[in-house]
N, C-alpha and C. Protein backbone atom coordinates (compact mmCIF):
# COMPACT_ATOMS: atom_id res chain seq x y z
N MET A 1 48.92 19.55 -52.23
CA MET A 1 47.97 19.83 -53.31
C MET A 1 47.89 18.60 -54.21
N LEU A 2 46.68 18.09 -54.44
CA LEU A 2 46.48 16.94 -55.31
C LEU A 2 46.47 17.39 -56.77
N GLU A 3 47.17 16.67 -57.61
CA GLU A 3 47.14 16.92 -59.06
C GLU A 3 46.19 15.89 -59.67
N ILE A 4 45.12 16.35 -60.28
CA ILE A 4 44.14 15.44 -60.88
C ILE A 4 43.91 15.85 -62.32
N SER A 5 44.15 14.92 -63.23
CA SER A 5 44.02 15.27 -64.66
C SER A 5 42.57 15.22 -65.12
N ARG A 6 41.72 14.43 -64.44
CA ARG A 6 40.31 14.42 -64.82
C ARG A 6 39.63 15.71 -64.37
N PRO A 7 38.81 16.31 -65.23
CA PRO A 7 38.03 17.46 -64.79
C PRO A 7 37.06 17.05 -63.67
N ILE A 8 36.78 17.97 -62.77
CA ILE A 8 35.86 17.74 -61.67
C ILE A 8 34.66 18.66 -61.86
N ILE A 9 33.47 18.10 -61.84
CA ILE A 9 32.25 18.88 -62.04
C ILE A 9 31.57 19.10 -60.70
N VAL A 10 31.34 20.37 -60.36
CA VAL A 10 30.65 20.74 -59.12
C VAL A 10 29.49 21.67 -59.49
N GLU A 11 28.64 21.97 -58.49
CA GLU A 11 27.46 22.77 -58.79
C GLU A 11 27.76 24.26 -58.94
N GLY A 12 28.48 24.85 -57.99
CA GLY A 12 28.61 26.30 -58.01
C GLY A 12 30.00 26.81 -57.72
N LYS A 13 30.13 28.15 -57.77
CA LYS A 13 31.44 28.76 -57.63
C LYS A 13 32.04 28.56 -56.24
N TYR A 14 31.21 28.48 -55.20
CA TYR A 14 31.76 28.29 -53.85
C TYR A 14 32.30 26.87 -53.67
N ASP A 15 31.68 25.90 -54.36
CA ASP A 15 32.23 24.54 -54.37
C ASP A 15 33.60 24.54 -55.04
N LYS A 16 33.68 25.26 -56.16
CA LYS A 16 34.94 25.35 -56.91
C LYS A 16 36.03 26.00 -56.05
N ILE A 17 35.68 27.07 -55.36
CA ILE A 17 36.65 27.76 -54.50
C ILE A 17 37.16 26.81 -53.42
N LYS A 18 36.25 26.05 -52.82
CA LYS A 18 36.63 25.12 -51.75
C LYS A 18 37.60 24.06 -52.29
N LEU A 19 37.26 23.44 -53.42
CA LEU A 19 38.12 22.39 -53.98
C LEU A 19 39.48 22.95 -54.41
N SER A 20 39.49 24.18 -54.87
CA SER A 20 40.74 24.78 -55.34
C SER A 20 41.78 24.90 -54.23
N ARG A 21 41.35 24.77 -52.99
CA ARG A 21 42.29 24.84 -51.86
C ARG A 21 43.11 23.55 -51.73
N ILE A 22 42.63 22.44 -52.29
CA ILE A 22 43.33 21.17 -52.10
C ILE A 22 43.69 20.48 -53.41
N VAL A 23 43.18 20.99 -54.54
CA VAL A 23 43.31 20.25 -55.80
C VAL A 23 43.77 21.18 -56.91
N ARG A 24 44.69 20.68 -57.73
CA ARG A 24 45.00 21.33 -59.01
C ARG A 24 44.32 20.50 -60.07
N ALA A 25 43.24 21.02 -60.60
CA ALA A 25 42.46 20.31 -61.61
C ALA A 25 41.59 21.32 -62.34
N ASN A 26 41.02 20.89 -63.43
CA ASN A 26 40.05 21.72 -64.13
C ASN A 26 38.70 21.49 -63.45
N ILE A 27 38.21 22.50 -62.75
CA ILE A 27 36.95 22.37 -62.01
C ILE A 27 35.88 23.14 -62.77
N ILE A 28 34.85 22.42 -63.19
CA ILE A 28 33.78 22.99 -63.99
C ILE A 28 32.54 23.13 -63.12
N THR A 29 31.88 24.28 -63.17
CA THR A 29 30.63 24.45 -62.43
C THR A 29 29.44 24.26 -63.37
N THR A 30 28.38 23.66 -62.83
CA THR A 30 27.15 23.50 -63.62
C THR A 30 26.27 24.74 -63.49
N ASP A 31 26.64 25.65 -62.59
CA ASP A 31 25.80 26.81 -62.28
C ASP A 31 24.42 26.35 -61.84
N GLY A 32 24.42 25.34 -60.97
CA GLY A 32 23.16 24.77 -60.49
C GLY A 32 22.39 24.19 -61.66
N PHE A 33 21.11 24.50 -61.72
CA PHE A 33 20.27 24.00 -62.82
C PHE A 33 20.53 24.75 -64.12
N GLY A 34 21.38 25.77 -64.08
CA GLY A 34 21.70 26.53 -65.28
C GLY A 34 22.24 25.67 -66.40
N ILE A 35 22.83 24.54 -66.05
CA ILE A 35 23.40 23.66 -67.08
C ILE A 35 22.35 23.15 -68.05
N PHE A 36 21.11 23.05 -67.59
CA PHE A 36 20.05 22.51 -68.45
C PHE A 36 19.77 23.41 -69.65
N SER A 37 20.06 24.69 -69.52
CA SER A 37 19.76 25.63 -70.61
C SER A 37 21.01 26.07 -71.36
N LYS A 38 22.14 25.44 -71.08
CA LYS A 38 23.40 25.86 -71.71
C LYS A 38 23.97 24.73 -72.56
N ASP A 39 23.55 24.72 -73.82
CA ASP A 39 24.00 23.66 -74.73
C ASP A 39 25.51 23.66 -74.90
N GLN A 40 26.11 24.85 -74.91
CA GLN A 40 27.55 24.90 -75.15
C GLN A 40 28.33 24.38 -73.94
N LYS A 41 27.81 24.59 -72.74
CA LYS A 41 28.48 24.03 -71.56
C LYS A 41 28.40 22.51 -71.61
N ALA A 42 27.24 21.98 -72.03
CA ALA A 42 27.08 20.52 -72.16
C ALA A 42 28.08 19.98 -73.19
N ALA A 43 28.26 20.72 -74.28
CA ALA A 43 29.22 20.29 -75.31
C ALA A 43 30.64 20.31 -74.75
N LEU A 44 30.96 21.30 -73.94
CA LEU A 44 32.29 21.38 -73.33
C LEU A 44 32.50 20.20 -72.39
N ILE A 45 31.50 19.86 -71.59
CA ILE A 45 31.62 18.72 -70.66
C ILE A 45 31.81 17.42 -71.44
N ARG A 46 31.09 17.25 -72.55
CA ARG A 46 31.28 16.04 -73.38
C ARG A 46 32.73 15.97 -73.87
N ARG A 47 33.24 17.09 -74.31
CA ARG A 47 34.61 17.13 -74.84
C ARG A 47 35.62 16.83 -73.74
N LEU A 48 35.42 17.41 -72.57
CA LEU A 48 36.34 17.19 -71.46
C LEU A 48 36.35 15.73 -71.03
N ALA A 49 35.22 15.06 -71.18
CA ALA A 49 35.10 13.67 -70.74
C ALA A 49 35.72 12.67 -71.72
N GLU A 50 36.05 13.11 -72.92
CA GLU A 50 36.49 12.18 -73.96
C GLU A 50 37.70 11.36 -73.54
N ASP A 51 38.72 11.97 -72.97
CA ASP A 51 39.95 11.25 -72.66
C ASP A 51 39.82 10.33 -71.44
N ASN A 52 39.76 10.93 -70.27
CA ASN A 52 39.77 10.14 -69.04
C ASN A 52 38.46 10.18 -68.27
N GLY A 53 37.45 10.80 -68.83
CA GLY A 53 36.19 10.94 -68.11
C GLY A 53 36.24 12.10 -67.14
N VAL A 54 35.19 12.23 -66.35
CA VAL A 54 35.08 13.33 -65.39
C VAL A 54 34.71 12.78 -64.01
N ILE A 55 35.00 13.57 -63.00
CA ILE A 55 34.57 13.27 -61.63
C ILE A 55 33.41 14.20 -61.32
N VAL A 56 32.30 13.64 -60.88
CA VAL A 56 31.14 14.45 -60.51
C VAL A 56 31.04 14.49 -59.00
N LEU A 57 31.05 15.70 -58.45
CA LEU A 57 30.97 15.89 -57.00
C LEU A 57 29.92 16.96 -56.72
N THR A 58 28.66 16.53 -56.73
CA THR A 58 27.57 17.45 -56.42
C THR A 58 27.06 17.15 -55.01
N ASP A 59 26.22 18.05 -54.50
CA ASP A 59 25.65 17.86 -53.17
C ASP A 59 24.77 16.60 -53.16
N SER A 60 24.54 16.08 -51.97
CA SER A 60 23.74 14.85 -51.83
C SER A 60 22.25 15.12 -51.67
N ASP A 61 21.83 16.34 -51.96
CA ASP A 61 20.40 16.64 -51.85
C ASP A 61 19.70 16.34 -53.17
N GLY A 62 18.41 16.65 -53.22
CA GLY A 62 17.62 16.37 -54.42
C GLY A 62 18.13 17.11 -55.64
N ALA A 63 18.54 18.37 -55.45
CA ALA A 63 19.05 19.15 -56.58
C ALA A 63 20.33 18.51 -57.14
N GLY A 64 21.23 18.07 -56.25
CA GLY A 64 22.45 17.40 -56.70
C GLY A 64 22.14 16.14 -57.49
N LEU A 65 21.12 15.42 -57.06
CA LEU A 65 20.72 14.18 -57.75
C LEU A 65 20.18 14.49 -59.14
N VAL A 66 19.40 15.54 -59.27
CA VAL A 66 18.86 15.92 -60.58
C VAL A 66 20.00 16.25 -61.54
N ILE A 67 21.00 16.98 -61.06
CA ILE A 67 22.15 17.35 -61.90
C ILE A 67 22.93 16.09 -62.29
N ARG A 68 23.13 15.17 -61.34
CA ARG A 68 23.83 13.91 -61.64
C ARG A 68 23.10 13.13 -62.73
N ASN A 69 21.78 13.06 -62.61
CA ASN A 69 21.00 12.31 -63.60
C ASN A 69 21.11 12.95 -64.98
N TYR A 70 21.15 14.27 -65.02
CA TYR A 70 21.35 14.96 -66.29
C TYR A 70 22.70 14.56 -66.89
N LEU A 71 23.75 14.57 -66.06
CA LEU A 71 25.08 14.21 -66.55
C LEU A 71 25.14 12.73 -66.96
N ARG A 72 24.40 11.88 -66.27
CA ARG A 72 24.33 10.45 -66.65
C ARG A 72 23.76 10.28 -68.06
N ASN A 73 22.79 11.14 -68.40
CA ASN A 73 22.20 11.08 -69.73
C ASN A 73 23.08 11.75 -70.78
N LEU A 74 23.95 12.63 -70.33
CA LEU A 74 24.82 13.38 -71.23
C LEU A 74 26.06 12.57 -71.63
N LEU A 75 26.58 11.76 -70.70
CA LEU A 75 27.85 11.07 -70.90
C LEU A 75 27.69 9.56 -70.76
N PRO A 76 28.56 8.78 -71.44
CA PRO A 76 28.55 7.33 -71.22
C PRO A 76 28.94 7.02 -69.77
N SER A 77 28.35 5.97 -69.21
CA SER A 77 28.57 5.65 -67.79
C SER A 77 30.05 5.42 -67.48
N GLU A 78 30.81 4.89 -68.42
CA GLU A 78 32.23 4.63 -68.15
C GLU A 78 33.07 5.91 -68.11
N LYS A 79 32.45 7.03 -68.47
CA LYS A 79 33.17 8.31 -68.46
C LYS A 79 32.88 9.14 -67.22
N ILE A 80 32.09 8.60 -66.29
CA ILE A 80 31.73 9.36 -65.09
C ILE A 80 32.14 8.62 -63.83
N ILE A 81 32.83 9.33 -62.95
CA ILE A 81 33.11 8.83 -61.61
C ILE A 81 32.27 9.70 -60.66
N HIS A 82 31.38 9.07 -59.92
CA HIS A 82 30.53 9.80 -59.00
C HIS A 82 31.08 9.73 -57.59
N LEU A 83 31.30 10.89 -56.99
CA LEU A 83 31.65 10.97 -55.57
C LEU A 83 30.49 11.63 -54.85
N TYR A 84 30.13 11.10 -53.71
CA TYR A 84 28.96 11.60 -52.99
C TYR A 84 29.37 12.14 -51.63
N THR A 85 28.87 13.33 -51.32
CA THR A 85 29.12 13.90 -50.00
C THR A 85 28.24 13.16 -48.99
N PRO A 86 28.73 12.97 -47.76
CA PRO A 86 27.89 12.35 -46.74
C PRO A 86 26.73 13.27 -46.38
N LYS A 87 25.63 12.68 -45.96
CA LYS A 87 24.46 13.48 -45.58
C LYS A 87 24.64 13.96 -44.16
N ILE A 88 25.18 15.19 -44.06
CA ILE A 88 25.45 15.80 -42.75
C ILE A 88 24.53 17.01 -42.60
N LYS A 89 23.76 17.03 -41.52
CA LYS A 89 22.86 18.17 -41.26
C LYS A 89 23.70 19.41 -40.91
N GLY A 90 23.26 20.55 -41.39
CA GLY A 90 23.96 21.80 -41.08
C GLY A 90 23.77 22.82 -42.18
N LYS A 91 24.48 23.94 -42.06
CA LYS A 91 24.44 24.97 -43.09
C LYS A 91 25.85 25.53 -43.31
N GLU A 92 26.08 25.98 -44.53
CA GLU A 92 27.37 26.58 -44.86
C GLU A 92 27.50 27.92 -44.14
N LYS A 93 28.72 28.28 -43.78
CA LYS A 93 28.97 29.50 -43.00
C LYS A 93 28.46 30.76 -43.69
N ARG A 94 28.57 30.84 -45.00
CA ARG A 94 28.20 32.08 -45.69
C ARG A 94 26.69 32.24 -45.84
N LYS A 95 25.92 31.19 -45.56
CA LYS A 95 24.46 31.24 -45.76
C LYS A 95 23.75 31.64 -44.48
N ASN A 96 22.61 32.31 -44.65
CA ASN A 96 21.80 32.72 -43.51
C ASN A 96 20.98 31.57 -42.95
N LYS A 97 20.61 30.62 -43.81
CA LYS A 97 19.81 29.48 -43.36
C LYS A 97 20.25 28.23 -44.11
N PRO A 98 19.91 27.06 -43.57
CA PRO A 98 20.30 25.81 -44.23
C PRO A 98 19.63 25.66 -45.60
N SER A 99 20.13 24.73 -46.39
CA SER A 99 19.50 24.42 -47.68
C SER A 99 18.12 23.85 -47.43
N LYS A 100 17.36 23.68 -48.48
CA LYS A 100 15.98 23.17 -48.38
C LYS A 100 15.92 21.87 -47.58
N GLU A 101 16.91 21.00 -47.80
CA GLU A 101 16.93 19.70 -47.11
C GLU A 101 17.77 19.73 -45.84
N GLY A 102 18.38 20.88 -45.55
CA GLY A 102 19.15 21.02 -44.31
C GLY A 102 20.46 20.26 -44.28
N LEU A 103 21.03 19.99 -45.46
CA LEU A 103 22.27 19.21 -45.55
C LEU A 103 23.43 20.09 -46.00
N LEU A 104 24.62 19.76 -45.52
CA LEU A 104 25.82 20.43 -46.01
C LEU A 104 26.11 19.94 -47.43
N GLY A 105 26.58 20.87 -48.26
CA GLY A 105 26.98 20.48 -49.60
C GLY A 105 28.49 20.39 -49.71
N VAL A 106 29.00 20.36 -50.90
CA VAL A 106 30.45 20.28 -51.14
C VAL A 106 31.15 21.42 -50.41
N GLU A 107 30.60 22.60 -50.52
CA GLU A 107 31.18 23.79 -49.89
C GLU A 107 31.32 23.62 -48.38
N GLY A 108 30.43 22.87 -47.76
CA GLY A 108 30.45 22.70 -46.31
C GLY A 108 31.26 21.52 -45.81
N MET A 109 31.80 20.73 -46.73
CA MET A 109 32.59 19.56 -46.32
C MET A 109 33.95 19.98 -45.75
N GLU A 110 34.45 19.18 -44.83
CA GLU A 110 35.80 19.39 -44.29
C GLU A 110 36.81 19.15 -45.40
N LEU A 111 37.88 19.94 -45.41
CA LEU A 111 38.93 19.75 -46.42
C LEU A 111 39.52 18.34 -46.35
N ALA A 112 39.66 17.82 -45.15
CA ALA A 112 40.24 16.47 -44.99
C ALA A 112 39.38 15.43 -45.68
N TRP A 113 38.05 15.57 -45.58
CA TRP A 113 37.16 14.61 -46.24
C TRP A 113 37.29 14.72 -47.76
N LEU A 114 37.31 15.94 -48.26
CA LEU A 114 37.44 16.15 -49.70
C LEU A 114 38.76 15.58 -50.22
N GLU A 115 39.83 15.85 -49.49
CA GLU A 115 41.15 15.35 -49.90
C GLU A 115 41.19 13.83 -49.91
N GLN A 116 40.64 13.21 -48.89
CA GLN A 116 40.62 11.74 -48.81
C GLN A 116 39.78 11.15 -49.95
N SER A 117 38.66 11.80 -50.28
CA SER A 117 37.78 11.29 -51.34
C SER A 117 38.41 11.41 -52.73
N LEU A 118 39.17 12.48 -52.92
CA LEU A 118 39.76 12.72 -54.24
C LEU A 118 41.14 12.10 -54.42
N ALA A 119 41.81 11.74 -53.31
CA ALA A 119 43.18 11.21 -53.37
C ALA A 119 43.34 10.01 -54.31
N PRO A 120 42.38 9.07 -54.37
CA PRO A 120 42.57 7.93 -55.28
C PRO A 120 42.66 8.31 -56.76
N PHE A 121 42.21 9.51 -57.09
CA PHE A 121 42.19 9.93 -58.49
C PHE A 121 43.35 10.86 -58.84
N ALA A 122 44.20 11.14 -57.84
CA ALA A 122 45.36 12.00 -58.07
C ALA A 122 46.38 11.26 -58.90
N ASP A 123 47.08 12.01 -59.71
CA ASP A 123 48.13 11.40 -60.53
C ASP A 123 49.26 12.39 -60.72
N GLY A 124 50.43 11.86 -60.67
CA GLY A 124 51.59 12.71 -60.93
C GLY A 124 51.84 12.80 -62.41
N GLY A 125 51.12 12.02 -63.19
CA GLY A 125 51.39 11.94 -64.62
C GLY A 125 50.37 12.61 -65.49
N ALA A 126 49.76 13.68 -65.01
CA ALA A 126 48.81 14.41 -65.85
C ALA A 126 49.55 14.96 -67.07
N LYS A 127 48.84 14.99 -68.21
CA LYS A 127 49.53 15.49 -69.40
C LYS A 127 49.87 16.96 -69.20
N PRO A 128 51.05 17.38 -69.65
CA PRO A 128 51.46 18.76 -69.42
C PRO A 128 50.47 19.73 -70.07
N ARG A 129 50.13 20.76 -69.33
CA ARG A 129 49.21 21.75 -69.84
C ARG A 129 50.00 22.84 -70.55
N MET A 130 49.39 23.41 -71.57
CA MET A 130 50.03 24.51 -72.27
C MET A 130 50.13 25.69 -71.31
N LYS A 131 51.25 26.35 -71.31
CA LYS A 131 51.46 27.49 -70.43
C LYS A 131 51.00 28.75 -71.16
N LEU A 132 49.82 29.20 -70.81
CA LEU A 132 49.22 30.36 -71.43
C LEU A 132 48.63 31.19 -70.30
N THR A 133 48.87 32.48 -70.30
CA THR A 133 48.42 33.34 -69.21
C THR A 133 47.46 34.41 -69.70
N LYS A 134 46.86 35.12 -68.74
CA LYS A 134 45.99 36.25 -69.10
C LYS A 134 46.79 37.32 -69.84
N ALA A 135 48.05 37.49 -69.44
CA ALA A 135 48.91 38.46 -70.13
C ALA A 135 49.12 38.06 -71.59
N ASP A 136 49.25 36.75 -71.85
CA ASP A 136 49.38 36.28 -73.23
C ASP A 136 48.13 36.61 -74.03
N PHE A 137 46.96 36.38 -73.41
CA PHE A 137 45.69 36.69 -74.08
C PHE A 137 45.64 38.17 -74.44
N TYR A 138 46.06 39.02 -73.51
CA TYR A 138 46.05 40.46 -73.77
C TYR A 138 47.01 40.81 -74.91
N ALA A 139 48.22 40.25 -74.86
CA ALA A 139 49.23 40.54 -75.88
C ALA A 139 48.77 40.08 -77.27
N LEU A 140 47.97 39.02 -77.31
CA LEU A 140 47.48 38.50 -78.59
C LEU A 140 46.18 39.18 -79.03
N GLY A 141 45.71 40.15 -78.24
CA GLY A 141 44.48 40.86 -78.59
C GLY A 141 43.23 40.05 -78.31
N LEU A 142 43.33 39.09 -77.39
CA LEU A 142 42.17 38.23 -77.09
C LEU A 142 41.41 38.68 -75.85
N SER A 143 41.92 39.68 -75.15
CA SER A 143 41.18 40.25 -74.02
C SER A 143 41.66 41.67 -73.75
N GLY A 144 40.74 42.48 -73.26
CA GLY A 144 41.09 43.83 -72.82
C GLY A 144 41.37 44.85 -73.90
N VAL A 145 41.11 44.53 -75.16
CA VAL A 145 41.34 45.47 -76.25
C VAL A 145 40.11 45.47 -77.17
N PRO A 146 39.95 46.50 -78.01
CA PRO A 146 38.81 46.51 -78.92
C PRO A 146 38.76 45.24 -79.78
N ASN A 147 37.56 44.72 -79.97
CA ASN A 147 37.30 43.53 -80.80
C ASN A 147 37.84 42.22 -80.22
N SER A 148 38.30 42.25 -78.96
CA SER A 148 38.85 41.01 -78.39
C SER A 148 37.78 39.94 -78.26
N GLU A 149 36.54 40.33 -77.97
CA GLU A 149 35.47 39.34 -77.86
C GLU A 149 35.22 38.64 -79.19
N ILE A 150 35.26 39.41 -80.28
CA ILE A 150 35.08 38.82 -81.62
C ILE A 150 36.22 37.85 -81.92
N ARG A 151 37.45 38.26 -81.59
CA ARG A 151 38.61 37.38 -81.83
C ARG A 151 38.49 36.08 -81.02
N ARG A 152 38.03 36.21 -79.76
CA ARG A 152 37.88 35.00 -78.92
C ARG A 152 36.85 34.05 -79.52
N LYS A 153 35.75 34.61 -80.01
CA LYS A 153 34.71 33.77 -80.63
C LYS A 153 35.27 33.04 -81.86
N GLN A 154 36.02 33.77 -82.69
CA GLN A 154 36.63 33.15 -83.87
C GLN A 154 37.60 32.04 -83.46
N LEU A 155 38.43 32.35 -82.47
CA LEU A 155 39.40 31.37 -81.98
C LEU A 155 38.70 30.14 -81.43
N ALA A 156 37.67 30.36 -80.62
CA ALA A 156 36.93 29.24 -80.04
C ALA A 156 36.33 28.36 -81.13
N ASN A 157 35.75 28.98 -82.15
CA ASN A 157 35.17 28.21 -83.25
C ASN A 157 36.22 27.39 -83.99
N LEU A 158 37.38 27.99 -84.22
CA LEU A 158 38.46 27.27 -84.90
C LEU A 158 38.97 26.09 -84.08
N LEU A 159 38.90 26.22 -82.76
CA LEU A 159 39.39 25.16 -81.86
C LEU A 159 38.28 24.21 -81.43
N ALA A 160 37.08 24.38 -82.01
CA ALA A 160 35.91 23.54 -81.67
C ALA A 160 35.58 23.61 -80.18
N LEU A 161 35.68 24.82 -79.63
CA LEU A 161 35.30 25.08 -78.24
C LEU A 161 34.06 25.98 -78.25
N PRO A 162 33.28 25.97 -77.16
CA PRO A 162 32.12 26.86 -77.10
C PRO A 162 32.53 28.31 -77.29
N ASP A 163 31.78 29.05 -78.11
CA ASP A 163 32.20 30.42 -78.39
C ASP A 163 31.60 31.45 -77.43
N ASN A 164 30.89 30.98 -76.40
CA ASN A 164 30.33 31.93 -75.43
C ASN A 164 31.08 31.91 -74.10
N LEU A 165 32.26 31.33 -74.09
CA LEU A 165 33.05 31.28 -72.87
C LEU A 165 33.65 32.65 -72.57
N SER A 166 33.76 32.97 -71.29
CA SER A 166 34.46 34.20 -70.90
C SER A 166 35.93 34.05 -71.28
N ALA A 167 36.66 35.15 -71.22
CA ALA A 167 38.09 35.09 -71.54
C ALA A 167 38.80 34.10 -70.61
N ASN A 168 38.48 34.15 -69.32
CA ASN A 168 39.13 33.24 -68.36
C ASN A 168 38.77 31.78 -68.63
N ALA A 169 37.49 31.52 -68.93
CA ALA A 169 37.06 30.15 -69.19
C ALA A 169 37.68 29.61 -70.47
N LEU A 170 37.78 30.46 -71.50
CA LEU A 170 38.41 30.04 -72.75
C LEU A 170 39.88 29.74 -72.53
N LEU A 171 40.55 30.59 -71.77
CA LEU A 171 41.97 30.37 -71.45
C LEU A 171 42.14 29.01 -70.76
N GLU A 172 41.27 28.72 -69.79
CA GLU A 172 41.35 27.46 -69.06
C GLU A 172 41.12 26.26 -69.97
N ALA A 173 40.10 26.37 -70.84
CA ALA A 173 39.79 25.27 -71.76
C ALA A 173 40.94 25.02 -72.73
N ILE A 174 41.55 26.09 -73.23
CA ILE A 174 42.68 25.95 -74.17
C ILE A 174 43.84 25.25 -73.47
N CYS A 175 44.15 25.68 -72.25
CA CYS A 175 45.27 25.08 -71.52
C CYS A 175 45.03 23.59 -71.26
N LEU A 176 43.78 23.21 -71.10
CA LEU A 176 43.47 21.81 -70.80
C LEU A 176 43.39 20.95 -72.05
N LEU A 177 42.85 21.49 -73.13
CA LEU A 177 42.47 20.65 -74.27
C LEU A 177 43.30 20.81 -75.53
N ILE A 178 43.96 21.94 -75.68
CA ILE A 178 44.56 22.27 -76.97
C ILE A 178 46.09 22.23 -76.90
N SER A 179 46.69 21.67 -77.95
CA SER A 179 48.15 21.65 -78.01
C SER A 179 48.66 23.03 -78.42
N GLU A 180 49.94 23.26 -78.15
CA GLU A 180 50.54 24.55 -78.50
C GLU A 180 50.47 24.79 -80.01
N ASP A 181 50.74 23.74 -80.80
CA ASP A 181 50.70 23.88 -82.26
C ASP A 181 49.29 24.25 -82.75
N GLU A 182 48.28 23.55 -82.21
CA GLU A 182 46.90 23.86 -82.60
C GLU A 182 46.55 25.30 -82.28
N PHE A 183 46.96 25.73 -81.09
CA PHE A 183 46.67 27.10 -80.66
C PHE A 183 47.34 28.11 -81.59
N GLU A 184 48.61 27.90 -81.88
CA GLU A 184 49.34 28.84 -82.73
C GLU A 184 48.74 28.92 -84.13
N ARG A 185 48.32 27.76 -84.68
CA ARG A 185 47.69 27.76 -86.00
C ARG A 185 46.37 28.54 -85.98
N ALA A 186 45.59 28.33 -84.93
CA ALA A 186 44.30 29.02 -84.83
C ALA A 186 44.48 30.52 -84.67
N VAL A 187 45.44 30.94 -83.86
CA VAL A 187 45.71 32.37 -83.68
C VAL A 187 46.15 32.97 -85.02
N ALA A 188 47.01 32.27 -85.75
CA ALA A 188 47.46 32.76 -87.06
C ALA A 188 46.28 32.90 -88.02
N ALA A 189 45.34 31.96 -87.96
CA ALA A 189 44.15 32.02 -88.83
C ALA A 189 43.28 33.22 -88.48
N VAL A 190 43.12 33.49 -87.19
CA VAL A 190 42.34 34.66 -86.76
C VAL A 190 43.01 35.94 -87.25
N CYS A 191 44.33 36.02 -87.11
CA CYS A 191 45.07 37.21 -87.57
C CYS A 191 44.97 37.38 -89.08
N ALA A 192 45.07 36.26 -89.81
CA ALA A 192 44.98 36.31 -91.27
C ALA A 192 43.60 36.80 -91.71
N GLU A 193 42.57 36.39 -91.01
CA GLU A 193 41.20 36.81 -91.33
C GLU A 193 41.05 38.32 -91.12
N GLU A 194 41.69 38.83 -90.08
CA GLU A 194 41.61 40.26 -89.79
C GLU A 194 42.28 41.09 -90.87
N THR A 195 43.39 40.59 -91.41
CA THR A 195 44.11 41.37 -92.44
C THR A 195 43.31 41.46 -93.75
N LYS A 196 42.37 40.54 -93.95
CA LYS A 196 41.54 40.57 -95.16
C LYS A 196 40.48 41.67 -95.10
N ILE A 197 40.15 42.06 -93.86
CA ILE A 197 39.06 43.03 -93.68
C ILE A 197 39.54 44.45 -93.99
């Protein structure tokens, strides 16, 4: 399993699932063209790119190019590493027919090719991530209990993270970006606000 501290941006959830088989990294999906209408996701990508930049691994078709160009306009060029899938004709196993251009995307690439392409960016020295679990979120009243969505929005705002993230996405962003001290202070502030009500 490759450890990569730079976030990796892919188009969809099946690309993320495929990469998760060989890489331990923060993998962000653009949800295809959905990224164009999601200002908060764009803000999250900018934030993720601040330290070491991001790796962009979209399909080599026209749609992948459009998404890459959007990211080029969103981030400074020195903050983006572009990896390109080879143009291989075919279709992904889960699909009934090939893509519009008839090319395999990230999801259709061999694991060996993906591993070889990402290996140069692997590092054993990724900064330690905060150990926070779904169970912790539940225990803190941030998921699965009444008003947990409101608490998550408050917490996200205090941590300067997008406030429309799902519980899982917020958990992932906190583990990647926020120190334990920052998190504890923000949780205390959310709790203090609740006691005033």
